[in-house]
C-alpha atoms as a PDB file:
ATOM      1  CA  MET A   1     -36.344 -21.718 -35.894  1.00  0.00           C
ATOM      2  CA  ALA A   2     -34.543 -23.056 -32.892  1.00  0.00           C
ATOM      3  CA  ASP A   3     -36.390 -23.336 -29.599  1.00  0.00           C
ATOM      4  CA  VAL A   4     -34.953 -20.843 -27.127  1.00  0.00           C
ATOM      5  CA  SER A   5     -37.693 -21.080 -24.540  1.00  0.00           C
ATOM      6  CA  SER A   6     -35.619 -23.208 -22.170  1.00  0.00           C
ATOM      7  CA  ASP A   7     -32.243 -22.296 -20.771  1.00  0.00           C
ATOM      8  CA  PRO A   8     -29.979 -25.303 -20.116  1.00  0.00           C
ATOM      9  CA  ALA A   9     -28.156 -23.249 -17.468  1.00  0.00           C
ATOM     10  CA  VAL A  10     -31.348 -23.071 -15.378  1.00  0.00           C
ATOM     11  CA  PRO A  11     -32.151 -26.355 -13.568  1.00  0.00           C
ATOM     12  CA  SER A  12     -35.588 -27.853 -13.956  1.00  0.00           C
ATOM     13  CA  ARG A  13     -38.143 -27.829 -11.158  1.00  0.00           C
ATOM     14  CA  ALA A  14     -37.863 -31.604 -10.952  1.00  0.00           C
ATOM     15  CA  ALA A  15     -34.117 -31.294 -10.268  1.00  0.00           C
ATOM     16  CA  VAL A  16     -34.757 -28.766  -7.510  1.00  0.00           C
ATOM     17  CA  LEU A  17     -37.418 -30.956  -5.880  1.00  0.00           C
ATOM     18  CA  THR A  18     -35.152 -33.975  -6.176  1.00  0.00           C
ATOM     19  CA  SER A  19     -32.377 -32.069  -4.381  1.00  0.00           C
ATOM     20  CA  VAL A  20     -34.748 -31.108  -1.565  1.00  0.00           C
ATOM     21  CA  GLY A  21     -35.881 -34.704  -1.285  1.00  0.00           C
ATOM     22  CA  MET A  22     -32.304 -35.890  -0.999  1.00  0.00           C
ATOM     23  CA  ASP A  23     -31.662 -33.390   1.810  1.00  0.00           C
ATOM     24  CA  VAL A  24     -34.778 -34.501   3.692  1.00  0.00           C
ATOM     25  CA  LEU A  25     -33.775 -38.124   3.216  1.00  0.00           C
ATOM     26  CA  THR A  26     -30.298 -37.300   4.558  1.00  0.00           C
ATOM     27  CA  VAL A  27     -31.764 -35.789   7.744  1.00  0.00           C
ATOM     28  CA  LEU A  28     -34.078 -38.791   8.236  1.00  0.00           C
ATOM     29  CA  LEU A  29     -31.231 -41.214   7.601  1.00  0.00           C
ATOM     30  CA  ALA A  30     -29.034 -39.415  10.143  1.00  0.00           C
ATOM     31  CA  GLY A  31     -31.866 -39.658  12.694  1.00  0.00           C
ATOM     32  CA  ALA A  32     -32.294 -43.359  11.949  1.00  0.00           C
ATOM     33  CA  VAL A  33     -28.571 -43.950  12.475  1.00  0.00           C
ATOM     34  CA  GLY A  34     -28.745 -42.086  15.781  1.00  0.00           C
ATOM     35  CA  PHE A  35     -31.742 -44.206  16.802  1.00  0.00           C
ATOM     36  CA  ALA A  36     -29.894 -47.406  15.877  1.00  0.00           C
ATOM     37  CA  ILE A  37     -26.649 -46.704  17.710  1.00  0.00           C
ATOM     38  CA  ALA A  38     -28.169 -45.014  20.783  1.00  0.00           C
ATOM     39  CA  PRO A  39     -27.049 -46.695  24.037  1.00  0.00           C
ATOM     40  CA  SER A  40     -30.167 -45.340  25.769  1.00  0.00           C
ATOM     41  CA  ALA A  41     -33.146 -43.052  24.973  1.00  0.00           C
ATOM     42  CA  PRO A  42     -33.058 -43.828  21.230  1.00  0.00           C
ATOM     43  CA  LEU A  43     -35.729 -41.255  20.374  1.00  0.00           C
ATOM     44  CA  THR A  44     -33.678 -38.460  21.945  1.00  0.00           C
ATOM     45  CA  TRP A  45     -30.586 -39.599  20.062  1.00  0.00           C
ATOM     46  CA  ALA A  46     -32.518 -39.736  16.806  1.00  0.00           C
ATOM     47  CA  LEU A  47     -33.842 -36.199  17.247  1.00  0.00           C
ATOM     48  CA  THR A  48     -30.403 -34.879  18.266  1.00  0.00           C
ATOM     49  CA  VAL A  49     -28.523 -36.447  15.348  1.00  0.00           C
ATOM     50  CA  GLY A  50     -31.252 -35.429  12.906  1.00  0.00           C
ATOM     51  CA  ALA A  51     -31.197 -31.834  14.174  1.00  0.00           C
ATOM     52  CA  ALA A  52     -27.395 -31.752  13.889  1.00  0.00           C
ATOM     53  CA  ALA A  53     -27.611 -32.973  10.302  1.00  0.00           C
ATOM     54  CA  PHE A  54     -30.234 -30.327   9.525  1.00  0.00           C
ATOM     55  CA  VAL A  55     -28.090 -27.532  11.025  1.00  0.00           C
ATOM     56  CA  ALA A  56     -25.056 -28.758   9.073  1.00  0.00           C
ATOM     57  CA  LEU A  57     -27.063 -28.622   5.839  1.00  0.00           C
ATOM     58  CA  VAL A  58     -28.284 -25.101   6.620  1.00  0.00           C
ATOM     59  CA  ILE A  59     -24.732 -23.909   7.309  1.00  0.00           C
ATOM     60  CA  TRP A  60     -23.476 -25.611   4.154  1.00  0.00           C
ATOM     61  CA  ARG A  61     -26.179 -23.962   2.091  1.00  0.00           C
ATOM     62  CA  GLY A  62     -25.592 -20.557   3.720  1.00  0.00           C
ATOM     63  CA  ILE A  63     -21.831 -20.542   3.094  1.00  0.00           C
ATOM     64  CA  LEU A  64     -21.555 -22.273  -0.270  1.00  0.00           C
ATOM     65  CA  GLY A  65     -25.160 -22.503  -1.410  1.00  0.00           C
ATOM     66  CA  GLY A  66     -24.920 -26.273  -1.446  1.00  0.00           C
ATOM     67  CA  SER A  67     -26.227 -29.409   0.203  1.00  0.00           C
ATOM     68  CA  ILE A  68     -26.154 -33.165  -0.305  1.00  0.00           C
ATOM     69  CA  GLY A  69     -28.748 -32.959  -3.071  1.00  0.00           C
ATOM     70  CA  HIS A  70     -27.149 -29.887  -4.626  1.00  0.00           C
ATOM     71  CA  SER A  71     -23.745 -31.562  -4.692  1.00  0.00           C
ATOM     72  CA  LEU A  72     -25.068 -34.699  -6.382  1.00  0.00           C
ATOM     73  CA  LEU A  73     -27.062 -32.702  -8.962  1.00  0.00           C
ATOM     74  CA  ARG A  74     -24.446 -29.918  -9.361  1.00  0.00           C
ATOM     75  CA  LEU A  75     -26.728 -27.125  -8.173  1.00  0.00           C
ATOM     76  CA  ARG A  76     -26.224 -24.039  -6.044  1.00  0.00           C
ATOM     77  CA  SER A  77     -28.678 -21.770  -4.189  1.00  0.00           C
ATOM     78  CA  VAL A  78     -28.109 -18.085  -4.954  1.00  0.00           C
ATOM     79  CA  ASP A  79     -29.764 -15.067  -3.335  1.00  0.00           C
ATOM     80  CA  GLU A  80     -31.878 -13.032  -5.771  1.00  0.00           C
ATOM     81  CA  LEU A  81     -30.700  -9.638  -4.496  1.00  0.00           C
ATOM     82  CA  SER A  82     -27.045 -10.068  -3.612  1.00  0.00           C
ATOM     83  CA  GLY A  83     -26.099 -12.859  -6.015  1.00  0.00           C
ATOM     84  CA  LEU A  84     -24.314 -14.676  -3.174  1.00  0.00           C
ATOM     85  CA  PRO A  85     -24.938 -18.190  -1.830  1.00  0.00           C
ATOM     86  CA  SER A  86     -28.082 -18.331   0.301  1.00  0.00           C
ATOM     87  CA  PHE A  87     -29.876 -20.787   2.573  1.00  0.00           C
ATOM     88  CA  ARG A  88     -33.236 -19.083   2.028  1.00  0.00           C
ATOM     89  CA  PHE A  89     -35.766 -21.056   0.035  1.00  0.00           C
ATOM     90  CA  ARG A  90     -38.242 -18.375  -1.019  1.00  0.00           C
ATOM     91  CA  SER A  91     -35.894 -15.505  -1.920  1.00  0.00           C
ATOM     92  CA  ALA A  92     -33.195 -17.689  -3.486  1.00  0.00           C
ATOM     93  CA  ARG A  93     -32.983 -19.221  -6.922  1.00  0.00           C
ATOM     94  CA  VAL A  94     -31.205 -22.428  -7.843  1.00  0.00           C
ATOM     95  CA  ALA A  95     -28.465 -22.217 -10.462  1.00  0.00           C
ATOM     96  CA  ARG A  96     -26.254 -24.707 -12.239  1.00  0.00           C
ATOM     97  CA  ARG A  97     -22.732 -24.947 -10.886  1.00  0.00           C
ATOM     98  CA  GLY A  98     -20.318 -23.337 -13.296  1.00  0.00           C
ATOM     99  CA  GLY A  99     -23.157 -21.488 -15.045  1.00  0.00           C
ATOM    100  CA  GLU A 100     -23.556 -17.765 -15.552  1.00  0.00           C
ATOM    101  CA  ASP A 101     -25.489 -17.346 -12.283  1.00  0.00           C
ATOM    102  CA  ASP A 102     -22.969 -19.269 -10.176  1.00  0.00           C
ATOM    103  CA  PRO A 103     -21.046 -16.740  -8.051  1.00  0.00           C
ATOM    104  CA  PHE A 104     -18.150 -19.200  -7.663  1.00  0.00           C
ATOM    105  CA  ALA A 105     -17.767 -19.957 -11.361  1.00  0.00           C
ATOM    106  CA  LEU A 106     -14.387 -19.085 -12.854  1.00  0.00           C
ATOM    107  CA  ARG A 107     -14.744 -16.945 -15.950  1.00  0.00           C
ATOM    108  CA  PRO A 108     -11.980 -15.679 -18.213  1.00  0.00           C
ATOM    109  CA  GLN A 109     -11.563 -11.921 -18.152  1.00  0.00           C
ATOM    110  CA  ARG A 110     -10.133  -9.783 -20.894  1.00  0.00           C
ATOM    111  CA  PHE A 111      -7.162  -7.721 -19.981  1.00  0.00           C
ATOM    112  CA  ALA A 112      -4.604  -5.691 -21.791  1.00  0.00           C
ATOM    113  CA  ILE A 113      -0.957  -5.259 -20.957  1.00  0.00           C
ATOM    114  CA  VAL A 114      -0.174  -1.591 -21.177  1.00  0.00           C
ATOM    115  CA  THR A 115       3.442  -0.771 -21.763  1.00  0.00           C
ATOM    116  CA  PRO A 116       4.342   2.459 -20.005  1.00  0.00           C
ATOM    117  CA  PRO A 117       5.670   5.106 -22.358  1.00  0.00           C
ATOM    118  CA  ARG A 118       9.408   5.151 -22.490  1.00  0.00           C
ATOM    119  CA  SER A 119      10.948   8.318 -21.258  1.00  0.00           C
ATOM    120  CA  ASP A 120      14.587   9.174 -21.635  1.00  0.00           C
ATOM    121  CA  LEU A 121      14.145  12.300 -19.570  1.00  0.00           C
ATOM    122  CA  ARG A 122      15.787  11.404 -16.310  1.00  0.00           C
ATOM    123  CA  PRO A 123      16.560  13.964 -13.662  1.00  0.00           C
ATOM    124  CA  GLU A 124      20.059  15.185 -14.238  1.00  0.00           C
ATOM    125  CA  PRO A 125      22.237  14.911 -11.163  1.00  0.00           C
ATOM    126  CA  PRO A 126      24.156  17.995 -10.085  1.00  0.00           C
ATOM    127  CA  ARG A 127      27.255  18.417 -12.204  1.00  0.00           C
ATOM    128  CA  SER A 128      29.299  19.921  -9.417  1.00  0.00           C
ATOM    129  CA  HIS A 129      30.395  19.139  -5.913  1.00  0.00           C
ATOM    130  CA  LEU A 130      30.476  21.785  -3.250  1.00  0.00           C
ATOM    131  CA  ARG A 131      33.645  22.366  -1.274  1.00  0.00           C
ATOM    132  CA  LEU A 132      33.210  24.291   1.931  1.00  0.00           C
ATOM    133  CA  VAL A 133      36.359  26.195   2.877  1.00  0.00           C
ATOM    134  CA  VAL A 134      36.361  27.438   6.487  1.00  0.00           C
ATOM    135  CA  ASP A 135      38.478  30.442   7.464  1.00  0.00           C
ATOM    136  CA  ASP A 136      40.913  28.203   9.374  1.00  0.00           C
ATOM    137  CA  GLY A 137      41.689  26.241   6.199  1.00  0.00           C
ATOM    138  CA  THR A 138      39.428  23.266   6.965  1.00  0.00           C
ATOM    139  CA  THR A 139      37.572  21.924   3.894  1.00  0.00           C
ATOM    140  CA  HIS A 140      34.477  19.743   3.536  1.00  0.00           C
ATOM    141  CA  THR A 141      33.215  18.189   0.287  1.00  0.00           C
ATOM    142  CA  VAL A 142      29.432  18.047  -0.199  1.00  0.00           C
ATOM    143  CA  GLN A 143      27.656  16.135  -2.970  1.00  0.00           C
ATOM    144  CA  HIS A 144      24.014  17.123  -2.363  1.00  0.00           C
ATOM    145  CA  SER A 145      23.404  19.216   0.732  1.00  0.00           C
ATOM    146  CA  ALA A 146      24.883  19.944   4.120  1.00  0.00           C
ATOM    147  CA  LEU A 147      23.720  21.002   7.555  1.00  0.00           C
ATOM    148  CA  ILE A 148      26.256  23.416   8.969  1.00  0.00           C
ATOM    149  CA  GLY A 149      26.531  24.469  12.580  1.00  0.00           C
ATOM    150  CA  ARG A 150      28.419  24.151  15.809  1.00  0.00           C
ATOM    151  CA  ASP A 151      27.109  20.607  16.405  1.00  0.00           C
ATOM    152  CA  PRO A 152      24.511  19.529  13.794  1.00  0.00           C
ATOM    153  CA  THR A 153      23.530  16.099  15.060  1.00  0.00           C
ATOM    154  CA  VAL A 154      19.916  15.850  13.836  1.00  0.00           C
ATOM    155  CA  PRO A 155      19.749  15.742  10.002  1.00  0.00           C
ATOM    156  CA  LEU A 156      16.532  16.894   8.343  1.00  0.00           C
ATOM    157  CA  ASP A 157      17.145  14.537   5.442  1.00  0.00           C
ATOM    158  CA  PRO A 158      19.349  11.406   5.182  1.00  0.00           C
ATOM    159  CA  ARG A 159      21.095  13.014   2.212  1.00  0.00           C
ATOM    160  CA  HIS A 160      22.267  15.951   4.337  1.00  0.00           C
ATOM    161  CA  ALA A 161      25.916  15.849   5.273  1.00  0.00           C
ATOM    162  CA  LEU A 162      26.734  17.135   8.743  1.00  0.00           C
ATOM    163  CA  VAL A 163      29.438  19.777   8.877  1.00  0.00           C
ATOM    164  CA  ALA A 164      30.519  20.891  12.340  1.00  0.00           C
ATOM    165  CA  ILE A 165      32.492  24.133  12.674  1.00  0.00           C
ATOM    166  CA  PRO A 166      34.177  24.566  16.078  1.00  0.00           C
ATOM    167  CA  ASP A 167      33.190  27.830  17.752  1.00  0.00           C
ATOM    168  CA  LEU A 168      34.245  28.371  21.370  1.00  0.00           C
ATOM    169  CA  THR A 169      32.524  31.765  21.517  1.00  0.00           C
ATOM    170  CA  ARG A 170      29.181  30.176  20.496  1.00  0.00           C
ATOM    171  CA  THR A 171      28.420  32.765  17.831  1.00  0.00           C
ATOM    172  CA  ILE A 172      27.392  29.864  15.567  1.00  0.00           C
ATOM    173  CA  SER A 173      24.168  28.045  16.418  1.00  0.00           C
ATOM    174  CA  LYS A 174      24.133  24.316  16.960  1.00  0.00           C
ATOM    175  CA  VAL A 175      22.280  23.861  13.654  1.00  0.00           C
ATOM    176  CA  HIS A 176      22.928  27.136  11.851  1.00  0.00           C
ATOM    177  CA  MET A 177      22.116  26.782   8.135  1.00  0.00           C
ATOM    178  CA  LEU A 178      21.435  24.409   5.258  1.00  0.00           C
ATOM    179  CA  VAL A 179      23.308  24.534   1.929  1.00  0.00           C
ATOM    180  CA  GLN A 180      21.918  22.650  -1.075  1.00  0.00           C
ATOM    181  CA  ILE A 181      23.107  22.043  -4.638  1.00  0.00           C
ATOM    182  CA  GLY A 182      20.258  22.439  -7.129  1.00  0.00           C
ATOM    183  CA  PRO A 183      19.651  22.961 -10.863  1.00  0.00           C
ATOM    184  CA  ASP A 184      19.988  26.729 -10.418  1.00  0.00           C
ATOM    185  CA  GLY A 185      23.166  26.507  -8.385  1.00  0.00           C
ATOM    186  CA  LEU A 186      23.432  26.883  -4.640  1.00  0.00           C
ATOM    187  CA  SER A 187      20.702  27.719  -2.167  1.00  0.00           C
ATOM    188  CA  VAL A 188      21.319  28.688   1.445  1.00  0.00           C
ATOM    189  CA  THR A 189      18.682  28.518   4.180  1.00  0.00           C
ATOM    190  CA  ASP A 190      19.214  30.038   7.600  1.00  0.00           C
ATOM    191  CA  LEU A 191      17.600  27.694  10.138  1.00  0.00           C
ATOM    192  CA  GLY A 192      16.658  30.333  12.688  1.00  0.00           C
ATOM    193  CA  SER A 193      20.210  30.884  13.979  1.00  0.00           C
ATOM    194  CA  SER A 194      20.835  33.287  16.864  1.00  0.00           C
ATOM    195  CA  ASN A 195      23.218  35.648  15.021  1.00  0.00           C
ATOM    196  CA  GLY A 196      21.924  35.132  11.480  1.00  0.00           C
ATOM    197  CA  THR A 197      23.646  34.189   8.219  1.00  0.00           C
ATOM    198  CA  TYR A 198      25.149  36.887   6.003  1.00  0.00           C
ATOM    199  CA  VAL A 199      26.423  36.765   2.448  1.00  0.00           C
ATOM    200  CA  GLU A 200      29.687  38.685   2.556  1.00  0.00           C
ATOM    201  CA  GLY A 201      29.104  42.169   1.188  1.00  0.00           C
ATOM    202  CA  ALA A 202      25.383  42.244   2.039  1.00  0.00           C
ATOM    203  CA  ASP A 203      23.987  44.571   4.691  1.00  0.00           C
ATOM    204  CA  ALA A 204      21.099  42.363   5.845  1.00  0.00           C
ATOM    205  CA  PRO A 205      21.116  38.742   6.939  1.00  0.00           C
ATOM    206  CA  LEU A 206      19.268  35.991   5.079  1.00  0.00           C
ATOM    207  CA  ILE A 207      15.589  35.629   5.925  1.00  0.00           C
ATOM    208  CA  PRO A 208      15.296  32.651   8.291  1.00  0.00           C
ATOM    209  CA  HIS A 209      13.786  29.440   6.923  1.00  0.00           C
ATOM    210  CA  ARG A 210      13.711  30.771   3.349  1.00  0.00           C
ATOM    211  CA  ALA A 211      16.005  29.333   0.683  1.00  0.00           C
ATOM    212  CA  THR A 212      18.145  31.992  -0.995  1.00  0.00           C
ATOM    213  CA  VAL A 213      20.090  31.331  -4.200  1.00  0.00           C
ATOM    214  CA  VAL A 214      23.743  32.402  -3.949  1.00  0.00           C
ATOM    215  CA  PRO A 215      26.491  32.239  -6.575  1.00  0.00           C
ATOM    216  CA  TRP A 216      29.342  29.769  -6.540  1.00  0.00           C
ATOM    217  CA  GLY A 217      32.320  31.238  -4.750  1.00  0.00           C
ATOM    218  CA  ALA A 218      30.192  33.269  -2.336  1.00  0.00           C
ATOM    219  CA  ALA A 219      31.448  33.676   1.197  1.00  0.00           C
ATOM    220  CA  LEU A 220      29.057  33.287   4.128  1.00  0.00           C
ATOM    221  CA  LEU A 221      29.473  34.826   7.544  1.00  0.00           C
ATOM    222  CA  LEU A 222      28.262  32.696  10.441  1.00  0.00           C
ATOM    223  CA  GLY A 223      28.804  34.631  13.619  1.00  0.00           C
ATOM    224  CA  ASP A 224      32.572  35.128  13.877  1.00  0.00           C
ATOM    225  CA  ARG A 225      33.388  32.461  11.263  1.00  0.00           C
ATOM    226  CA  ARG A 226      33.630  32.685   7.473  1.00  0.00           C
ATOM    227  CA  VAL A 227      32.821  29.851   5.025  1.00  0.00           C
ATOM    228  CA  THR A 228      33.467  30.001   1.259  1.00  0.00           C
ATOM    229  CA  LEU A 229      31.352  27.964  -1.160  1.00  0.00           C
ATOM    230  CA  GLU A 230      33.664  26.693  -3.880  1.00  0.00           C
ATOM    231  CA  GLN A 231      32.603  24.765  -6.959  1.00  0.00           C
ATOM    232  CA  ARG A 232      34.283  21.507  -7.850  1.00  0.00           C
ATOM    233  CA  ARG A 233      33.399  19.887 -11.177  1.00  0.00           C
ATOM    234  CA  ARG A 234      32.746  16.165 -11.369  1.00  0.00           C
ATOM    235  CA  SER A 235      35.686  14.211 -12.711  1.00  0.00           C
ATOM    236  CA  THR A 236      33.530  12.602 -15.440  1.00  0.00           C
ATOM    237  CA  GLU A 237      32.395  15.953 -16.864  1.00  0.00           C
ATOM    238  CA  VAL A 238      34.183  17.214 -19.937  1.00  0.00           C
ATOM    239  CA  SER A 239      35.368  20.764 -19.433  1.00  0.00           C
END
């Protein structure tokens, strides 16, 4: 039976102690260099350079879990709770770089490429254009929707066409109504106009701000003006 008592991914205690020894030796060596090159007060220089080396090692270990000894022996200090690099000695464990406990190790991940289901059901565009015929003979062609009024300058939607109907008596509001082409035909929405919007032949005006389906060919009364909603088939449609 194979011996599974030791895990090669876990460094030995001797390796850990050797790494610590290398770090201590690095700090002492830095202090010795500071002592040797000091122009004056060599002891102060030695302590300053040694302390700077120690702080650099602590920062290195805190950010990447490494040090001089760890780099030479390919080790990394990892916090027991968070699994992130740590400069703590008691609450951190030492792991092999690239091993299972190394938080910076690159590991292949399984993934699957999911092809979205193909759908041939695309929204069908309106098959008809709308031609607005004003009582003075003026016509306007609309492909999707139109804001109609005396001076509709603020569209609610970039697809809205702006149709201005001159009205010197001001019986038409500045933005009077909205006409839209939909799957069920035409819908008309009065936008809170002063004199209301009537379907010719009806006794009551349309309820403001509520879309009302009207048939093709209907005539709308806007104040003193009359607008007919004519249907125009697309040229590509087979009749």
